[in-house]
Amino acid sequence: MPVQIGAKTHNFTDPTGLLSDCHRRVEMFLGTLEAVANVIDRPATEETRRALESALRYFAQAAPKHTADEEESLFPRLRQIHDPEIESAFSKLEQLENEHRWAAPLHAEVDRLGALYLLTGNLSSPEVGDFRHAVASLASMYKQHIDVEDSMVFPLAARMLSNTEKIAIAEEMAARRKVRVVTEISTGRK
């Protein structure tokens, strides 16, 4: 069963909190990929298969929605605010968007090799090395990426965006997930 956004501590009345919750899932599934990378040179067990399938499904289905939440909903609204604090953060926004693009081929490689491992039950030695390298690179990048977003971008957005902008972001996030929500952030009513 896929992990659903909003199932943790935040809901659509707090879109930046919801994005941060998604980071916890990214970290969890990266941990799963790292655990699989440690044993991927051995024949697949049923437990390894289930864990890998779950992580691959998450990164193929949910993670692109999270990236769209940031790049299509959050970041453009932050760029429209003319405030020195946000303007100084623009270089970070560009870096974060570049990291999203940089990670795409690594995710594709993990997905390709993971699917091959699930199909055949093993990988060649070079494939094992490629899988481990891609997972380690993703884990390293996401550690910094998530730290910047959770410590700087999301708190800044929570402070600087108007309730109307937060509602719009929340509605766009919900639409990406085909969830219908009616939010009123200022009062917390649904």
C-alpha atoms as a PDB file:
ATOM      1  CA  MET A   1       0.000   0.000   0.000  1.00  0.00           C
ATOM      2  CA  PRO A   2       1.475   3.379  -0.961  1.00  0.00           C
ATOM      3  CA  VAL A   3       2.221   5.922   1.732  1.00  0.00           C
ATOM      4  CA  GLN A   4      -0.193   8.802   1.332  1.00  0.00           C
ATOM      5  CA  ILE A   5       0.684  12.423   1.790  1.00  0.00           C
ATOM      6  CA  GLY A   6      -1.099  13.942   4.752  1.00  0.00           C
ATOM      7  CA  ALA A   7      -1.056  10.691   6.725  1.00  0.00           C
ATOM      8  CA  LYS A   8       1.472  12.041   9.218  1.00  0.00           C
ATOM      9  CA  THR A   9       1.206  15.162  11.322  1.00  0.00           C
ATOM     10  CA  HIS A  10       0.196  17.828   8.794  1.00  0.00           C
ATOM     11  CA  ASN A  11      -2.704  18.206   6.428  1.00  0.00           C
ATOM     12  CA  PHE A  12      -3.541  20.465   3.512  1.00  0.00           C
ATOM     13  CA  THR A  13      -4.086  23.452   5.817  1.00  0.00           C
ATOM     14  CA  ASP A  14      -0.287  23.535   6.219  1.00  0.00           C
ATOM     15  CA  PRO A  15       1.240  22.882   2.793  1.00  0.00           C
ATOM     16  CA  THR A  16       4.856  23.501   3.875  1.00  0.00           C
ATOM     17  CA  GLY A  17       4.373  21.152   6.833  1.00  0.00           C
ATOM     18  CA  LEU A  18       2.984  18.584   4.419  1.00  0.00           C
ATOM     19  CA  LEU A  19       6.039  19.013   2.183  1.00  0.00           C
ATOM     20  CA  SER A  20       8.286  18.479   5.199  1.00  0.00           C
ATOM     21  CA  ASP A  21       6.328  15.320   6.089  1.00  0.00           C
ATOM     22  CA  CYS A  22       7.028  14.124   2.558  1.00  0.00           C
ATOM     23  CA  HIS A  23      10.736  14.589   3.280  1.00  0.00           C
ATOM     24  CA  ARG A  24      10.427  12.097   6.121  1.00  0.00           C
ATOM     25  CA  ARG A  25       9.060   9.578   3.611  1.00  0.00           C
ATOM     26  CA  VAL A  26      11.891  10.375   1.158  1.00  0.00           C
ATOM     27  CA  GLU A  27      14.367   9.696   3.964  1.00  0.00           C
ATOM     28  CA  MET A  28      12.584   6.474   4.898  1.00  0.00           C
ATOM     29  CA  PHE A  29      12.592   5.144   1.325  1.00  0.00           C
ATOM     30  CA  LEU A  30      16.191   6.256   0.775  1.00  0.00           C
ATOM     31  CA  GLY A  31      17.044   4.241   3.880  1.00  0.00           C
ATOM     32  CA  THR A  32      15.286   1.291   2.285  1.00  0.00           C
ATOM     33  CA  LEU A  33      17.319   1.714  -0.907  1.00  0.00           C
ATOM     34  CA  GLU A  34      20.529   1.946   1.140  1.00  0.00           C
ATOM     35  CA  ALA A  35      19.610  -1.267   2.979  1.00  0.00           C
ATOM     36  CA  VAL A  36      18.914  -3.011  -0.337  1.00  0.00           C
ATOM     37  CA  ALA A  37      22.223  -1.696  -1.727  1.00  0.00           C
ATOM     38  CA  ASN A  38      23.992  -3.477   1.132  1.00  0.00           C
ATOM     39  CA  VAL A  39      22.575  -6.865   0.083  1.00  0.00           C
ATOM     40  CA  ILE A  40      22.034  -6.442  -3.651  1.00  0.00           C
ATOM     41  CA  ASP A  41      25.105  -8.570  -4.384  1.00  0.00           C
ATOM     42  CA  ARG A  42      23.198 -11.574  -3.004  1.00  0.00           C
ATOM     43  CA  PRO A  43      20.169 -13.386  -4.400  1.00  0.00           C
ATOM     44  CA  ALA A  44      16.933 -11.532  -3.675  1.00  0.00           C
ATOM     45  CA  THR A  45      14.914 -12.613  -0.664  1.00  0.00           C
ATOM     46  CA  GLU A  46      11.174 -12.017  -0.440  1.00  0.00           C
ATOM     47  CA  GLU A  47      11.759  -9.320   2.192  1.00  0.00           C
ATOM     48  CA  THR A  48      14.313  -7.561  -0.021  1.00  0.00           C
ATOM     49  CA  ARG A  49      11.938  -7.773  -2.991  1.00  0.00           C
ATOM     50  CA  ARG A  50       9.043  -6.224  -1.059  1.00  0.00           C
ATOM     51  CA  ALA A  51      11.218  -3.434   0.325  1.00  0.00           C
ATOM     52  CA  LEU A  52      12.725  -2.639  -3.061  1.00  0.00           C
ATOM     53  CA  GLU A  53       9.353  -2.705  -4.831  1.00  0.00           C
ATOM     54  CA  SER A  54       7.940  -0.317  -2.249  1.00  0.00           C
ATOM     55  CA  ALA A  55      10.846   2.128  -2.522  1.00  0.00           C
ATOM     56  CA  LEU A  56      10.875   2.050  -6.321  1.00  0.00           C
ATOM     57  CA  ARG A  57       7.112   2.645  -6.417  1.00  0.00           C
ATOM     58  CA  TYR A  58       7.438   5.595  -4.029  1.00  0.00           C
ATOM     59  CA  PHE A  59      10.164   7.288  -6.069  1.00  0.00           C
ATOM     60  CA  ALA A  60       8.331   6.614  -9.348  1.00  0.00           C
ATOM     61  CA  GLN A  61       4.890   7.799  -8.214  1.00  0.00           C
ATOM     62  CA  ALA A  62       4.970  10.060  -5.155  1.00  0.00           C
ATOM     63  CA  ALA A  63       8.344  11.795  -5.420  1.00  0.00           C
ATOM     64  CA  PRO A  64       7.557  13.455  -8.796  1.00  0.00           C
ATOM     65  CA  LYS A  65       4.425  14.960  -7.231  1.00  0.00           C
ATOM     66  CA  HIS A  66       6.536  16.387  -4.411  1.00  0.00           C
ATOM     67  CA  THR A  67       8.946  17.910  -6.932  1.00  0.00           C
ATOM     68  CA  ALA A  68       5.993  19.434  -8.811  1.00  0.00           C
ATOM     69  CA  ASP A  69       4.626  20.777  -5.514  1.00  0.00           C
ATOM     70  CA  GLU A  70       7.862  22.661  -5.044  1.00  0.00           C
ATOM     71  CA  GLU A  71       8.702  23.693  -8.601  1.00  0.00           C
ATOM     72  CA  GLU A  72       5.197  24.443  -9.886  1.00  0.00           C
ATOM     73  CA  SER A  73       3.403  25.641  -6.759  1.00  0.00           C
ATOM     74  CA  LEU A  74       5.763  26.829  -4.026  1.00  0.00           C
ATOM     75  CA  PHE A  75       8.887  28.222  -5.710  1.00  0.00           C
ATOM     76  CA  PRO A  76       7.073  30.391  -8.298  1.00  0.00           C
ATOM     77  CA  ARG A  77       5.013  32.032  -5.559  1.00  0.00           C
ATOM     78  CA  LEU A  78       8.119  32.733  -3.501  1.00  0.00           C
ATOM     79  CA  ARG A  79       9.736  34.355  -6.539  1.00  0.00           C
ATOM     80  CA  GLN A  80       6.790  36.768  -6.794  1.00  0.00           C
ATOM     81  CA  ILE A  81       7.355  38.154  -3.300  1.00  0.00           C
ATOM     82  CA  HIS A  82       9.602  41.192  -3.319  1.00  0.00           C
ATOM     83  CA  ASP A  83      11.357  40.908  -0.004  1.00  0.00           C
ATOM     84  CA  PRO A  84      15.124  40.974   0.647  1.00  0.00           C
ATOM     85  CA  GLU A  85      15.034  37.744   2.664  1.00  0.00           C
ATOM     86  CA  ILE A  86      13.302  35.840  -0.128  1.00  0.00           C
ATOM     87  CA  GLU A  87      15.418  37.436  -2.830  1.00  0.00           C
ATOM     88  CA  SER A  88      18.548  36.253  -1.025  1.00  0.00           C
ATOM     89  CA  ALA A  89      17.064  32.742  -1.016  1.00  0.00           C
ATOM     90  CA  PHE A  90      16.630  32.700  -4.815  1.00  0.00           C
ATOM     91  CA  SER A  91      20.078  31.174  -5.350  1.00  0.00           C
ATOM     92  CA  LYS A  92      19.022  28.331  -3.066  1.00  0.00           C
ATOM     93  CA  LEU A  93      15.803  27.831  -5.059  1.00  0.00           C
ATOM     94  CA  GLU A  94      17.805  27.564  -8.269  1.00  0.00           C
ATOM     95  CA  GLN A  95      20.181  25.094  -6.604  1.00  0.00           C
ATOM     96  CA  LEU A  96      17.236  22.999  -5.386  1.00  0.00           C
ATOM     97  CA  GLU A  97      15.685  22.917  -8.855  1.00  0.00           C
ATOM     98  CA  ASN A  98      19.051  21.919 -10.339  1.00  0.00           C
ATOM     99  CA  GLU A  99      19.311  19.108  -7.784  1.00  0.00           C
ATOM    100  CA  HIS A 100      15.872  17.831  -8.836  1.00  0.00           C
ATOM    101  CA  ARG A 101      17.104  17.624 -12.436  1.00  0.00           C
ATOM    102  CA  TRP A 102      20.482  16.152 -11.382  1.00  0.00           C
ATOM    103  CA  ALA A 103      18.725  13.407  -9.410  1.00  0.00           C
ATOM    104  CA  ALA A 104      16.458  12.310 -12.295  1.00  0.00           C
ATOM    105  CA  PRO A 105      19.032  10.158 -14.144  1.00  0.00           C
ATOM    106  CA  LEU A 106      20.181   8.610 -10.859  1.00  0.00           C
ATOM    107  CA  HIS A 107      16.589   7.680 -10.049  1.00  0.00           C
ATOM    108  CA  ALA A 108      16.245   6.219 -13.547  1.00  0.00           C
ATOM    109  CA  GLU A 109      19.375   4.116 -12.996  1.00  0.00           C
ATOM    110  CA  VAL A 110      18.167   2.881  -9.590  1.00  0.00           C
ATOM    111  CA  ASP A 111      14.790   2.086 -11.121  1.00  0.00           C
ATOM    112  CA  ARG A 112      16.312   0.234 -14.091  1.00  0.00           C
ATOM    113  CA  LEU A 113      18.713  -1.814 -11.991  1.00  0.00           C
ATOM    114  CA  GLY A 114      16.131  -2.376  -9.257  1.00  0.00           C
ATOM    115  CA  ALA A 115      13.626  -3.686 -11.813  1.00  0.00           C
ATOM    116  CA  LEU A 116      16.301  -5.973 -13.284  1.00  0.00           C
ATOM    117  CA  TYR A 117      17.127  -7.296  -9.812  1.00  0.00           C
ATOM    118  CA  LEU A 118      13.434  -7.914  -9.122  1.00  0.00           C
ATOM    119  CA  LEU A 119      13.084  -9.726 -12.454  1.00  0.00           C
ATOM    120  CA  THR A 120      16.210 -11.889 -12.290  1.00  0.00           C
ATOM    121  CA  GLY A 121      17.008 -12.045  -8.569  1.00  0.00           C
ATOM    122  CA  ASN A 122      20.593 -10.901  -9.063  1.00  0.00           C
ATOM    123  CA  LEU A 123      22.825  -8.323 -10.720  1.00  0.00           C
ATOM    124  CA  SER A 124      26.278  -8.532 -12.258  1.00  0.00           C
ATOM    125  CA  SER A 125      29.180  -7.101 -10.295  1.00  0.00           C
ATOM    126  CA  PRO A 126      29.304  -3.883 -12.386  1.00  0.00           C
ATOM    127  CA  GLU A 127      25.526  -3.477 -12.000  1.00  0.00           C
ATOM    128  CA  VAL A 128      25.830  -3.903  -8.229  1.00  0.00           C
ATOM    129  CA  GLY A 129      28.461  -1.159  -8.208  1.00  0.00           C
ATOM    130  CA  ASP A 130      26.301   1.110 -10.358  1.00  0.00           C
ATOM    131  CA  PHE A 131      23.268   0.577  -8.108  1.00  0.00           C
ATOM    132  CA  ARG A 132      25.276   1.289  -4.957  1.00  0.00           C
ATOM    133  CA  HIS A 133      26.867   4.390  -6.474  1.00  0.00           C
ATOM    134  CA  ALA A 134      23.511   5.804  -7.624  1.00  0.00           C
ATOM    135  CA  VAL A 135      21.881   5.173  -4.235  1.00  0.00           C
ATOM    136  CA  ALA A 136      24.823   6.688  -2.323  1.00  0.00           C
ATOM    137  CA  SER A 137      24.799   9.755  -4.595  1.00  0.00           C
ATOM    138  CA  LEU A 138      21.057  10.229  -4.114  1.00  0.00           C
ATOM    139  CA  ALA A 139      21.312   9.810  -0.346  1.00  0.00           C
ATOM    140  CA  SER A 140      24.114  12.377  -0.121  1.00  0.00           C
ATOM    141  CA  MET A 141      22.306  14.915  -2.290  1.00  0.00           C
ATOM    142  CA  TYR A 142      18.951  14.501  -0.538  1.00  0.00           C
ATOM    143  CA  LYS A 143      20.526  14.967   2.894  1.00  0.00           C
ATOM    144  CA  GLN A 144      21.663  18.486   1.979  1.00  0.00           C
ATOM    145  CA  HIS A 145      18.644  19.222  -0.199  1.00  0.00           C
ATOM    146  CA  ILE A 146      16.155  18.339   2.525  1.00  0.00           C
ATOM    147  CA  ASP A 147      18.126  20.273   5.134  1.00  0.00           C
ATOM    148  CA  VAL A 148      17.992  23.468   3.038  1.00  0.00           C
ATOM    149  CA  GLU A 149      14.283  23.113   2.377  1.00  0.00           C
ATOM    150  CA  ASP A 150      13.292  22.152   5.938  1.00  0.00           C
ATOM    151  CA  SER A 151      15.513  24.703   7.684  1.00  0.00           C
ATOM    152  CA  MET A 152      15.271  27.662   5.304  1.00  0.00           C
ATOM    153  CA  VAL A 153      12.793  27.476   2.416  1.00  0.00           C
ATOM    154  CA  PHE A 154       9.729  25.992   4.109  1.00  0.00           C
ATOM    155  CA  PRO A 155       9.867  28.188   7.254  1.00  0.00           C
ATOM    156  CA  LEU A 156      10.378  31.242   5.048  1.00  0.00           C
ATOM    157  CA  ALA A 157       7.428  30.258   2.870  1.00  0.00           C
ATOM    158  CA  ALA A 158       5.231  29.599   5.909  1.00  0.00           C
ATOM    159  CA  ARG A 159       5.997  33.106   7.177  1.00  0.00           C
ATOM    160  CA  MET A 160       5.893  35.050   3.923  1.00  0.00           C
ATOM    161  CA  LEU A 161       3.118  33.507   1.849  1.00  0.00           C
ATOM    162  CA  SER A 162      -0.385  34.859   2.280  1.00  0.00           C
ATOM    163  CA  ASN A 163      -3.220  32.595   3.362  1.00  0.00           C
ATOM    164  CA  THR A 164      -4.615  32.836  -0.175  1.00  0.00           C
ATOM    165  CA  GLU A 165      -1.306  31.622  -1.625  1.00  0.00           C
ATOM    166  CA  LYS A 166      -1.125  28.785   0.905  1.00  0.00           C
ATOM    167  CA  ILE A 167      -4.663  27.724  -0.001  1.00  0.00           C
ATOM    168  CA  ALA A 168      -3.774  27.762  -3.702  1.00  0.00           C
ATOM    169  CA  ILE A 169      -0.670  25.654  -3.065  1.00  0.00           C
ATOM    170  CA  ALA A 170      -2.668  23.196  -0.958  1.00  0.00           C
ATOM    171  CA  GLU A 171      -5.352  22.871  -3.631  1.00  0.00           C
ATOM    172  CA  GLU A 172      -2.730  22.268  -6.328  1.00  0.00           C
ATOM    173  CA  MET A 173      -1.043  19.633  -4.146  1.00  0.00           C
ATOM    174  CA  ALA A 174      -4.377  17.917  -3.574  1.00  0.00           C
ATOM    175  CA  ALA A 175      -5.204  18.006  -7.286  1.00  0.00           C
ATOM    176  CA  ARG A 176      -1.895  16.296  -8.125  1.00  0.00           C
ATOM    177  CA  ARG A 177      -2.970  13.480  -5.827  1.00  0.00           C
ATOM    178  CA  LYS A 178      -6.541  13.466  -7.114  1.00  0.00           C
ATOM    179  CA  VAL A 179      -7.777  14.360  -3.627  1.00  0.00           C
ATOM    180  CA  ARG A 180     -10.546  16.882  -3.222  1.00  0.00           C
ATOM    181  CA  VAL A 181     -10.061  19.256  -0.324  1.00  0.00           C
ATOM    182  CA  VAL A 182     -11.525  22.557   0.628  1.00  0.00           C
ATOM    183  CA  THR A 183      -9.206  24.455   2.904  1.00  0.00           C
ATOM    184  CA  GLU A 184      -9.374  27.719   4.696  1.00  0.00           C
ATOM    185  CA  ILE A 185      -5.957  28.176   6.189  1.00  0.00           C
ATOM    186  CA  SER A 186      -6.643  31.319   8.193  1.00  0.00           C
ATOM    187  CA  THR A 187      -9.253  29.617  10.382  1.00  0.00           C
ATOM    188  CA  GLY A 188      -8.258  26.004   9.911  1.00  0.00           C
ATOM    189  CA  ARG A 189     -11.790  25.087   8.744  1.00  0.00           C
ATOM    190  CA  LYS A 190     -12.389  22.541   6.020  1.00  0.00           C
END
